Amino acid sequence: MATLKIKKGDTVKVIAGKDKDKEGKVLSIKDGKAIVEGINMVTKHAKPSMSNQQGGIINKEAPIDLSNLMVMYKGKATRVGFKVEDGKKVRIAKSTGEVID
């Protein structure tokens, strides 16, 4: 599998969809989709269970495709590239050429 340009913990900006121009922190990534804090909120109806005694309506984040997200670097949305420095592959911001992590 190719190296992902977005990682857990990154601050990202939504560039398409109902939450366009919103920003949030990536909580998890799986199968080309990310769960972003406060983005793509959906309503779930939960039955009462041992963990959720009350049951009822729950708001939670749904996965959003990675193609609809851009990494925020120094307050600006930027594309991400890769570069090999000192034998290690690092992510760089295309807008400035600086190493992200």
PDB file of N, CA and C in Angstrom:
ATOM      1  N   MET A   1       0.838  -1.186   0.000  1.00  0.00           N
ATOM      2  CA  MET A   1       0.000   0.000   0.000  1.00  0.00           C
ATOM      3  C   MET A   1       0.877   1.241   0.000  1.00  0.00           C
ATOM      4  N   ALA A   2       0.449   2.270  -0.680  1.00  0.00           N
ATOM      5  CA  ALA A   2       1.209   3.517  -0.763  1.00  0.00           C
ATOM      6  C   ALA A   2       1.207   4.236   0.588  1.00  0.00           C
ATOM      7  N   THR A   3       2.214   5.068   0.805  1.00  0.00           N
ATOM      8  CA  THR A   3       2.296   5.847   2.035  1.00  0.00           C
ATOM      9  C   THR A   3       1.200   6.903   2.031  1.00  0.00           C
ATOM     10  N   LEU A   4       0.507   7.030   3.154  1.00  0.00           N
ATOM     11  CA  LEU A   4      -0.573   8.001   3.259  1.00  0.00           C
ATOM     12  C   LEU A   4      -0.009   9.388   3.515  1.00  0.00           C
ATOM     13  N   LYS A   5      -0.631  10.384   2.913  1.00  0.00           N
ATOM     14  CA  LYS A   5      -0.178  11.761   3.063  1.00  0.00           C
ATOM     15  C   LYS A   5      -0.776  12.418   4.295  1.00  0.00           C
ATOM     16  N   ILE A   6      -1.829  11.820   4.843  1.00  0.00           N
ATOM     17  CA  ILE A   6      -2.466  12.339   6.049  1.00  0.00           C
ATOM     18  C   ILE A   6      -2.308  11.296   7.144  1.00  0.00           C
ATOM     19  N   LYS A   7      -1.936  11.753   8.346  1.00  0.00           N
ATOM     20  CA  LYS A   7      -1.715  10.843   9.457  1.00  0.00           C
ATOM     21  C   LYS A   7      -2.628  11.194  10.630  1.00  0.00           C
ATOM     22  N   LYS A   8      -2.765  10.255  11.549  1.00  0.00           N
ATOM     23  CA  LYS A   8      -3.517  10.478  12.783  1.00  0.00           C
ATOM     24  C   LYS A   8      -2.857  11.625  13.544  1.00  0.00           C
ATOM     25  N   GLY A   9      -3.677  12.553  14.027  1.00  0.00           N
ATOM     26  CA  GLY A   9      -3.152  13.693  14.779  1.00  0.00           C
ATOM     27  C   GLY A   9      -2.954  14.946  13.946  1.00  0.00           C
ATOM     28  N   ASP A  10      -2.986  14.839  12.614  1.00  0.00           N
ATOM     29  CA  ASP A  10      -2.856  16.010  11.738  1.00  0.00           C
ATOM     30  C   ASP A  10      -4.091  16.901  11.860  1.00  0.00           C
ATOM     31  N   THR A  11      -3.885  18.200  11.697  1.00  0.00           N
ATOM     32  CA  THR A  11      -5.008  19.119  11.558  1.00  0.00           C
ATOM     33  C   THR A  11      -5.302  19.224  10.068  1.00  0.00           C
ATOM     34  N   VAL A  12      -6.551  19.014   9.695  1.00  0.00           N
ATOM     35  CA  VAL A  12      -6.926  19.014   8.287  1.00  0.00           C
ATOM     36  C   VAL A  12      -8.073  19.973   8.029  1.00  0.00           C
ATOM     37  N   LYS A  13      -8.209  20.367   6.747  1.00  0.00           N
ATOM     38  CA  LYS A  13      -9.293  21.218   6.297  1.00  0.00           C
ATOM     39  C   LYS A  13     -10.103  20.436   5.266  1.00  0.00           C
ATOM     40  N   VAL A  14     -11.436  20.523   5.363  1.00  0.00           N
ATOM     41  CA  VAL A  14     -12.314  19.840   4.412  1.00  0.00           C
ATOM     42  C   VAL A  14     -12.434  20.720   3.177  1.00  0.00           C
ATOM     43  N   ILE A  15     -12.181  20.141   1.992  1.00  0.00           N
ATOM     44  CA  ILE A  15     -12.211  20.921   0.753  1.00  0.00           C
ATOM     45  C   ILE A  15     -13.416  20.612  -0.123  1.00  0.00           C
ATOM     46  N   ALA A  16     -14.229  19.615   0.280  1.00  0.00           N
ATOM     47  CA  ALA A  16     -15.425  19.276  -0.498  1.00  0.00           C
ATOM     48  C   ALA A  16     -16.457  18.629   0.408  1.00  0.00           C
ATOM     49  N   GLY A  17     -17.727  18.799   0.059  1.00  0.00           N
ATOM     50  CA  GLY A  17     -18.804  18.168   0.803  1.00  0.00           C
ATOM     51  C   GLY A  17     -19.563  19.148   1.684  1.00  0.00           C
ATOM     52  N   LYS A  18     -20.438  18.613   2.524  1.00  0.00           N
ATOM     53  CA  LYS A  18     -21.314  19.452   3.334  1.00  0.00           C
ATOM     54  C   LYS A  18     -20.564  20.243   4.401  1.00  0.00           C
ATOM     55  N   ASP A  19     -19.385  19.783   4.801  1.00  0.00           N
ATOM     56  CA  ASP A  19     -18.597  20.468   5.835  1.00  0.00           C
ATOM     57  C   ASP A  19     -17.421  21.240   5.242  1.00  0.00           C
ATOM     58  N   LYS A  20     -17.554  21.689   3.989  1.00  0.00           N
ATOM     59  CA  LYS A  20     -16.468  22.403   3.307  1.00  0.00           C
ATOM     60  C   LYS A  20     -15.988  23.596   4.129  1.00  0.00           C
ATOM     61  N   ASP A  21     -14.663  23.802   4.162  1.00  0.00           N
ATOM     62  CA  ASP A  21     -13.968  24.892   4.861  1.00  0.00           C
ATOM     63  C   ASP A  21     -13.915  24.717   6.385  1.00  0.00           C
ATOM     64  N   LYS A  22     -14.382  23.600   6.917  1.00  0.00           N
ATOM     65  CA  LYS A  22     -14.238  23.340   8.354  1.00  0.00           C
ATOM     66  C   LYS A  22     -12.893  22.667   8.605  1.00  0.00           C
ATOM     67  N   GLU A  23     -12.380  22.838   9.822  1.00  0.00           N
ATOM     68  CA  GLU A  23     -11.097  22.243  10.195  1.00  0.00           C
ATOM     69  C   GLU A  23     -11.277  21.352  11.406  1.00  0.00           C
ATOM     70  N   GLY A  24     -10.425  20.336  11.517  1.00  0.00           N
ATOM     71  CA  GLY A  24     -10.475  19.438  12.663  1.00  0.00           C
ATOM     72  C   GLY A  24      -9.241  18.569  12.727  1.00  0.00           C
ATOM     73  N   LYS A  25      -9.147  17.802  13.804  1.00  0.00           N
ATOM     74  CA  LYS A  25      -8.009  16.918  14.039  1.00  0.00           C
ATOM     75  C   LYS A  25      -8.386  15.495  13.651  1.00  0.00           C
ATOM     76  N   VAL A  26      -7.485  14.795  12.965  1.00  0.00           N
ATOM     77  CA  VAL A  26      -7.738  13.424  12.529  1.00  0.00           C
ATOM     78  C   VAL A  26      -7.659  12.495  13.741  1.00  0.00           C
ATOM     79  N   LEU A  27      -8.744  11.747  13.985  1.00  0.00           N
ATOM     80  CA  LEU A  27      -8.794  10.814  15.109  1.00  0.00           C
ATOM     81  C   LEU A  27      -8.314   9.421  14.699  1.00  0.00           C
ATOM     82  N   SER A  28      -8.679   8.996  13.480  1.00  0.00           N
ATOM     83  CA  SER A  28      -8.235   7.687  12.991  1.00  0.00           C
ATOM     84  C   SER A  28      -8.361   7.629  11.472  1.00  0.00           C
ATOM     85  N   ILE A  29      -7.602   6.691  10.880  1.00  0.00           N
ATOM     86  CA  ILE A  29      -7.629   6.489   9.426  1.00  0.00           C
ATOM     87  C   ILE A  29      -7.754   4.996   9.158  1.00  0.00           C
ATOM     88  N   LYS A  30      -8.652   4.639   8.222  1.00  0.00           N
ATOM     89  CA  LYS A  30      -8.831   3.240   7.849  1.00  0.00           C
ATOM     90  C   LYS A  30      -9.439   3.164   6.455  1.00  0.00           C
ATOM     91  N   ASP A  31      -8.878   2.342   5.598  1.00  0.00           N
ATOM     92  CA  ASP A  31      -9.408   2.074   4.255  1.00  0.00           C
ATOM     93  C   ASP A  31      -9.616   3.333   3.411  1.00  0.00           C
ATOM     94  N   GLY A  32      -8.671   4.270   3.451  1.00  0.00           N
ATOM     95  CA  GLY A  32      -8.763   5.472   2.632  1.00  0.00           C
ATOM     96  C   GLY A  32      -9.759   6.499   3.135  1.00  0.00           C
ATOM     97  N   LYS A  33     -10.228   6.315   4.356  1.00  0.00           N
ATOM     98  CA  LYS A  33     -11.159   7.267   4.958  1.00  0.00           C
ATOM     99  C   LYS A  33     -10.639   7.662   6.341  1.00  0.00           C
ATOM    100  N   ALA A  34     -10.983   8.892   6.749  1.00  0.00           N
ATOM    101  CA  ALA A  34     -10.534   9.396   8.043  1.00  0.00           C
ATOM    102  C   ALA A  34     -11.738   9.811   8.876  1.00  0.00           C
ATOM    103  N   ILE A  35     -11.602   9.669  10.181  1.00  0.00           N
ATOM    104  CA  ILE A  35     -12.592  10.210  11.105  1.00  0.00           C
ATOM    105  C   ILE A  35     -11.970  11.466  11.689  1.00  0.00           C
ATOM    106  N   VAL A  36     -12.639  12.614  11.445  1.00  0.00           N
ATOM    107  CA  VAL A  36     -12.120  13.913  11.851  1.00  0.00           C
ATOM    108  C   VAL A  36     -13.025  14.484  12.934  1.00  0.00           C
ATOM    109  N   GLU A  37     -12.407  15.014  13.979  1.00  0.00           N
ATOM    110  CA  GLU A  37     -13.120  15.557  15.129  1.00  0.00           C
ATOM    111  C   GLU A  37     -14.096  16.661  14.710  1.00  0.00           C
ATOM    112  N   GLY A  38     -15.398  16.451  14.962  1.00  0.00           N
ATOM    113  CA  GLY A  38     -16.415  17.458  14.692  1.00  0.00           C
ATOM    114  C   GLY A  38     -16.834  17.604  13.243  1.00  0.00           C
ATOM    115  N   ILE A  39     -16.348  16.733  12.364  1.00  0.00           N
ATOM    116  CA  ILE A  39     -16.655  16.808  10.933  1.00  0.00           C
ATOM    117  C   ILE A  39     -17.508  15.606  10.523  1.00  0.00           C
ATOM    118  N   ASN A  40     -18.453  15.830   9.593  1.00  0.00           N
ATOM    119  CA  ASN A  40     -19.316  14.775   9.045  1.00  0.00           C
ATOM    120  C   ASN A  40     -20.103  14.081  10.159  1.00  0.00           C
ATOM    121  N   MET A  41     -20.762  14.894  10.988  1.00  0.00           N
ATOM    122  CA  MET A  41     -21.543  14.355  12.103  1.00  0.00           C
ATOM    123  C   MET A  41     -22.824  13.686  11.588  1.00  0.00           C
ATOM    124  N   VAL A  42     -23.119  12.506  12.134  1.00  0.00           N
ATOM    125  CA  VAL A  42     -24.327  11.776  11.773  1.00  0.00           C
ATOM    126  C   VAL A  42     -25.084  11.417  13.042  1.00  0.00           C
ATOM    127  N   THR A  43     -26.373  11.157  12.899  1.00  0.00           N
ATOM    128  CA  THR A  43     -27.220  10.776  14.018  1.00  0.00           C
ATOM    129  C   THR A  43     -27.419   9.271  13.994  1.00  0.00           C
ATOM    130  N   LYS A  44     -27.130   8.622  15.119  1.00  0.00           N
ATOM    131  CA  LYS A  44     -27.317   7.176  15.239  1.00  0.00           C
ATOM    132  C   LYS A  44     -28.373   6.907  16.308  1.00  0.00           C
ATOM    133  N   HIS A  45     -29.218   5.929  16.053  1.00  0.00           N
ATOM    134  CA  HIS A  45     -30.219   5.518  17.030  1.00  0.00           C
ATOM    135  C   HIS A  45     -29.691   4.258  17.726  1.00  0.00           C
ATOM    136  N   ALA A  46     -29.451   4.363  19.026  1.00  0.00           N
ATOM    137  CA  ALA A  46     -28.842   3.263  19.772  1.00  0.00           C
ATOM    138  C   ALA A  46     -29.854   2.608  20.700  1.00  0.00           C
ATOM    139  N   LYS A  47     -29.885   1.269  20.675  1.00  0.00           N
ATOM    140  CA  LYS A  47     -30.729   0.519  21.604  1.00  0.00           C
ATOM    141  C   LYS A  47     -30.062   0.519  22.977  1.00  0.00           C
ATOM    142  N   PRO A  48     -30.833   0.433  24.021  1.00  0.00           N
ATOM    143  CA  PRO A  48     -30.226   0.323  25.353  1.00  0.00           C
ATOM    144  C   PRO A  48     -29.379  -0.950  25.452  1.00  0.00           C
ATOM    145  N   SER A  49     -28.199  -0.823  26.065  1.00  0.00           N
ATOM    146  CA  SER A  49     -27.309  -1.968  26.228  1.00  0.00           C
ATOM    147  C   SER A  49     -26.588  -1.816  27.567  1.00  0.00           C
ATOM    148  N   MET A  50     -25.701  -2.734  27.868  1.00  0.00           N
ATOM    149  CA  MET A  50     -24.960  -2.660  29.126  1.00  0.00           C
ATOM    150  C   MET A  50     -24.067  -1.422  29.178  1.00  0.00           C
ATOM    151  N   SER A  51     -23.459  -1.075  28.050  1.00  0.00           N
ATOM    152  CA  SER A  51     -22.571   0.091  28.024  1.00  0.00           C
ATOM    153  C   SER A  51     -23.355   1.402  27.921  1.00  0.00           C
ATOM    154  N   ASN A  52     -24.519   1.358  27.260  1.00  0.00           N
ATOM    155  CA  ASN A  52     -25.353   2.539  27.090  1.00  0.00           C
ATOM    156  C   ASN A  52     -26.745   2.220  27.655  1.00  0.00           C
ATOM    157  N   GLN A  53     -26.905   2.411  28.962  1.00  0.00           N
ATOM    158  CA  GLN A  53     -28.142   2.029  29.648  1.00  0.00           C
ATOM    159  C   GLN A  53     -29.364   2.767  29.105  1.00  0.00           C
ATOM    160  N   GLN A  54     -29.193   4.044  28.793  1.00  0.00           N
ATOM    161  CA  GLN A  54     -30.308   4.886  28.374  1.00  0.00           C
ATOM    162  C   GLN A  54     -30.759   4.603  26.941  1.00  0.00           C
ATOM    163  N   GLY A  55     -29.785   4.388  26.035  1.00  0.00           N
ATOM    164  CA  GLY A  55     -30.138   4.261  24.625  1.00  0.00           C
ATOM    165  C   GLY A  55     -30.433   5.640  24.063  1.00  0.00           C
ATOM    166  N   GLY A  56     -31.139   5.744  22.953  1.00  0.00           N
ATOM    167  CA  GLY A  56     -31.550   7.026  22.408  1.00  0.00           C
ATOM    168  C   GLY A  56     -30.746   7.444  21.189  1.00  0.00           C
ATOM    169  N   ILE A  57     -30.750   8.753  20.918  1.00  0.00           N
ATOM    170  CA  ILE A  57     -30.118   9.296  19.720  1.00  0.00           C
ATOM    171  C   ILE A  57     -28.723   9.812  20.074  1.00  0.00           C
ATOM    172  N   ILE A  58     -27.725   9.384  19.292  1.00  0.00           N
ATOM    173  CA  ILE A  58     -26.323   9.752  19.529  1.00  0.00           C
ATOM    174  C   ILE A  58     -25.777  10.442  18.289  1.00  0.00           C
ATOM    175  N   ASN A  59     -25.063  11.556  18.478  1.00  0.00           N
ATOM    176  CA  ASN A  59     -24.353  12.211  17.373  1.00  0.00           C
ATOM    177  C   ASN A  59     -22.902  11.766  17.395  1.00  0.00           C
ATOM    178  N   LYS A  60     -22.391  11.311  16.246  1.00  0.00           N
ATOM    179  CA  LYS A  60     -21.002  10.887  16.180  1.00  0.00           C
ATOM    180  C   LYS A  60     -20.426  11.193  14.808  1.00  0.00           C
ATOM    181  N   GLU A  61     -19.081  11.168  14.720  1.00  0.00           N
ATOM    182  CA  GLU A  61     -18.404  11.445  13.460  1.00  0.00           C
ATOM    183  C   GLU A  61     -18.456  10.219  12.556  1.00  0.00           C
ATOM    184  N   ALA A  62     -18.702  10.446  11.267  1.00  0.00           N
ATOM    185  CA  ALA A  62     -18.667   9.388  10.268  1.00  0.00           C
ATOM    186  C   ALA A  62     -17.380   9.557   9.453  1.00  0.00           C
ATOM    187  N   PRO A  63     -16.893   8.476   8.833  1.00  0.00           N
ATOM    188  CA  PRO A  63     -15.667   8.589   8.027  1.00  0.00           C
ATOM    189  C   PRO A  63     -15.871   9.508   6.827  1.00  0.00           C
ATOM    190  N   ILE A  64     -14.804  10.219   6.460  1.00  0.00           N
ATOM    191  CA  ILE A  64     -14.803  11.087   5.283  1.00  0.00           C
ATOM    192  C   ILE A  64     -13.602  10.693   4.427  1.00  0.00           C
ATOM    193  N   ASP A  65     -13.777  10.696   3.118  1.00  0.00           N
ATOM    194  CA  ASP A  65     -12.712  10.255   2.214  1.00  0.00           C
ATOM    195  C   ASP A  65     -11.491  11.173   2.289  1.00  0.00           C
ATOM    196  N   LEU A  66     -10.296  10.579   2.205  1.00  0.00           N
ATOM    197  CA  LEU A  66      -9.051  11.353   2.290  1.00  0.00           C
ATOM    198  C   LEU A  66      -8.910  12.358   1.156  1.00  0.00           C
ATOM    199  N   SER A  67      -9.560  12.095   0.017  1.00  0.00           N
ATOM    200  CA  SER A  67      -9.467  13.016  -1.119  1.00  0.00           C
ATOM    201  C   SER A  67     -10.178  14.338  -0.839  1.00  0.00           C
ATOM    202  N   ASN A  68     -11.029  14.367   0.172  1.00  0.00           N
ATOM    203  CA  ASN A  68     -11.760  15.589   0.524  1.00  0.00           C
ATOM    204  C   ASN A  68     -11.081  16.371   1.638  1.00  0.00           C
ATOM    205  N   LEU A  69      -9.855  15.989   1.994  1.00  0.00           N
ATOM    206  CA  LEU A  69      -9.126  16.635   3.087  1.00  0.00           C
ATOM    207  C   LEU A  69      -7.786  17.176   2.608  1.00  0.00           C
ATOM    208  N   MET A  70      -7.356  18.303   3.216  1.00  0.00           N
ATOM    209  CA  MET A  70      -6.025  18.857   2.966  1.00  0.00           C
ATOM    210  C   MET A  70      -5.357  19.127   4.308  1.00  0.00           C
ATOM    211  N   VAL A  71      -4.068  18.851   4.382  1.00  0.00           N
ATOM    212  CA  VAL A  71      -3.314  19.066   5.613  1.00  0.00           C
ATOM    213  C   VAL A  71      -3.120  20.565   5.839  1.00  0.00           C
ATOM    214  N   MET A  72      -3.321  21.004   7.088  1.00  0.00           N
ATOM    215  CA  MET A  72      -3.070  22.391   7.466  1.00  0.00           C
ATOM    216  C   MET A  72      -1.637  22.484   7.990  1.00  0.00           C
ATOM    217  N   TYR A  73      -0.864  23.433   7.440  1.00  0.00           N
ATOM    218  CA  TYR A  73       0.510  23.642   7.893  1.00  0.00           C
ATOM    219  C   TYR A  73       0.737  25.135   8.057  1.00  0.00           C
ATOM    220  N   LYS A  74       1.035  25.548   9.273  1.00  0.00           N
ATOM    221  CA  LYS A  74       1.224  26.964   9.611  1.00  0.00           C
ATOM    222  C   LYS A  74       0.003  27.799   9.222  1.00  0.00           C
ATOM    223  N   GLY A  75      -1.199  27.252   9.498  1.00  0.00           N
ATOM    224  CA  GLY A  75      -2.431  27.982   9.268  1.00  0.00           C
ATOM    225  C   GLY A  75      -2.949  27.986   7.845  1.00  0.00           C
ATOM    226  N   LYS A  76      -2.265  27.304   6.931  1.00  0.00           N
ATOM    227  CA  LYS A  76      -2.707  27.260   5.535  1.00  0.00           C
ATOM    228  C   LYS A  76      -2.850  25.815   5.074  1.00  0.00           C
ATOM    229  N   ALA A  77      -3.841  25.572   4.210  1.00  0.00           N
ATOM    230  CA  ALA A  77      -4.009  24.251   3.621  1.00  0.00           C
ATOM    231  C   ALA A  77      -2.947  24.062   2.547  1.00  0.00           C
ATOM    232  N   THR A  78      -2.286  22.913   2.566  1.00  0.00           N
ATOM    233  CA  THR A  78      -1.218  22.659   1.606  1.00  0.00           C
ATOM    234  C   THR A  78      -1.262  21.221   1.114  1.00  0.00           C
ATOM    235  N   ARG A  79      -0.749  21.030  -0.091  1.00  0.00           N
ATOM    236  CA  ARG A  79      -0.585  19.673  -0.596  1.00  0.00           C
ATOM    237  C   ARG A  79       0.644  19.068   0.073  1.00  0.00           C
ATOM    238  N   VAL A  80       0.723  17.748   0.062  1.00  0.00           N
ATOM    239  CA  VAL A  80       1.809  17.051   0.737  1.00  0.00           C
ATOM    240  C   VAL A  80       2.623  16.264  -0.281  1.00  0.00           C
ATOM    241  N   GLY A  81       3.943  16.347  -0.158  1.00  0.00           N
ATOM    242  CA  GLY A  81       4.843  15.568  -0.992  1.00  0.00           C
ATOM    243  C   GLY A  81       5.805  14.796  -0.110  1.00  0.00           C
ATOM    244  N   PHE A  82       6.677  14.038  -0.740  1.00  0.00           N
ATOM    245  CA  PHE A  82       7.653  13.259   0.015  1.00  0.00           C
ATOM    246  C   PHE A  82       9.053  13.558  -0.481  1.00  0.00           C
ATOM    247  N   LYS A  83      10.016  13.435   0.428  1.00  0.00           N
ATOM    248  CA  LYS A  83      11.421  13.678   0.118  1.00  0.00           C
ATOM    249  C   LYS A  83      12.250  12.756   1.007  1.00  0.00           C
ATOM    250  N   VAL A  84      13.378  12.296   0.502  1.00  0.00           N
ATOM    251  CA  VAL A  84      14.263  11.471   1.312  1.00  0.00           C
ATOM    252  C   VAL A  84      15.365  12.363   1.875  1.00  0.00           C
ATOM    253  N   GLU A  85      15.415  12.425   3.218  1.00  0.00           N
ATOM    254  CA  GLU A  85      16.444  13.211   3.901  1.00  0.00           C
ATOM    255  C   GLU A  85      17.167  12.320   4.891  1.00  0.00           C
ATOM    256  N   ASP A  86      18.477  12.242   4.774  1.00  0.00           N
ATOM    257  CA  ASP A  86      19.305  11.415   5.664  1.00  0.00           C
ATOM    258  C   ASP A  86      18.819   9.967   5.695  1.00  0.00           C
ATOM    259  N   GLY A  87      18.413   9.446   4.538  1.00  0.00           N
ATOM    260  CA  GLY A  87      17.974   8.059   4.437  1.00  0.00           C
ATOM    261  C   GLY A  87      16.572   7.794   4.964  1.00  0.00           C
ATOM    262  N   LYS A  88      15.840   8.845   5.372  1.00  0.00           N
ATOM    263  CA  LYS A  88      14.472   8.678   5.854  1.00  0.00           C
ATOM    264  C   LYS A  88      13.514   9.415   4.933  1.00  0.00           C
ATOM    265  N   LYS A  89      12.370   8.805   4.683  1.00  0.00           N
ATOM    266  CA  LYS A  89      11.337   9.430   3.869  1.00  0.00           C
ATOM    267  C   LYS A  89      10.513  10.344   4.755  1.00  0.00           C
ATOM    268  N   VAL A  90      10.428  11.626   4.407  1.00  0.00           N
ATOM    269  CA  VAL A  90       9.693  12.596   5.220  1.00  0.00           C
ATOM    270  C   VAL A  90       8.632  13.293   4.377  1.00  0.00           C
ATOM    271  N   ARG A  91       7.594  13.786   5.050  1.00  0.00           N
ATOM    272  CA  ARG A  91       6.547  14.549   4.364  1.00  0.00           C
ATOM    273  C   ARG A  91       6.977  16.008   4.292  1.00  0.00           C
ATOM    274  N   ILE A  92       6.723  16.639   3.141  1.00  0.00           N
ATOM    275  CA  ILE A  92       7.016  18.063   2.988  1.00  0.00           C
ATOM    276  C   ILE A  92       5.764  18.794   2.528  1.00  0.00           C
ATOM    277  N   ALA A  93       5.659  20.073   2.909  1.00  0.00           N
ATOM    278  CA  ALA A  93       4.562  20.919   2.459  1.00  0.00           C
ATOM    279  C   ALA A  93       4.923  21.445   1.081  1.00  0.00           C
ATOM    280  N   LYS A  94       4.081  21.218   0.098  1.00  0.00           N
ATOM    281  CA  LYS A  94       4.365  21.657  -1.278  1.00  0.00           C
ATOM    282  C   LYS A  94       4.405  23.180  -1.385  1.00  0.00           C
ATOM    283  N   SER A  95       3.629  23.880  -0.532  1.00  0.00           N
ATOM    284  CA  SER A  95       3.574  25.339  -0.632  1.00  0.00           C
ATOM    285  C   SER A  95       4.875  26.002  -0.199  1.00  0.00           C
ATOM    286  N   THR A  96       5.557  25.424   0.809  1.00  0.00           N
ATOM    287  CA  THR A  96       6.782  26.050   1.326  1.00  0.00           C
ATOM    288  C   THR A  96       8.024  25.203   1.120  1.00  0.00           C
ATOM    289  N   GLY A  97       7.852  23.904   0.930  1.00  0.00           N
ATOM    290  CA  GLY A  97       9.000  23.007   0.795  1.00  0.00           C
ATOM    291  C   GLY A  97       9.581  22.581   2.122  1.00  0.00           C
ATOM    292  N   GLU A  98       8.942  22.973   3.243  1.00  0.00           N
ATOM    293  CA  GLU A  98       9.442  22.631   4.564  1.00  0.00           C
ATOM    294  C   GLU A  98       8.959  21.239   4.984  1.00  0.00           C
ATOM    295  N   VAL A  99       9.739  20.617   5.870  1.00  0.00           N
ATOM    296  CA  VAL A  99       9.388  19.295   6.387  1.00  0.00           C
ATOM    297  C   VAL A  99       8.257  19.442   7.400  1.00  0.00           C
ATOM    298  N   ILE A 100       7.213  18.624   7.234  1.00  0.00           N
ATOM    299  CA  ILE A 100       6.053  18.690   8.127  1.00  0.00           C
ATOM    300  C   ILE A 100       6.322  17.974   9.437  1.00  0.00           C
ATOM    301  N   ASP A 101       6.908  16.752   9.358  1.00  0.00           N
ATOM    302  CA  ASP A 101       7.169  16.024  10.613  1.00  0.00           C
ATOM    303  C   ASP A 101       8.505  15.340  10.597  1.00  0.00           C
TER     304      ASP A 101
END
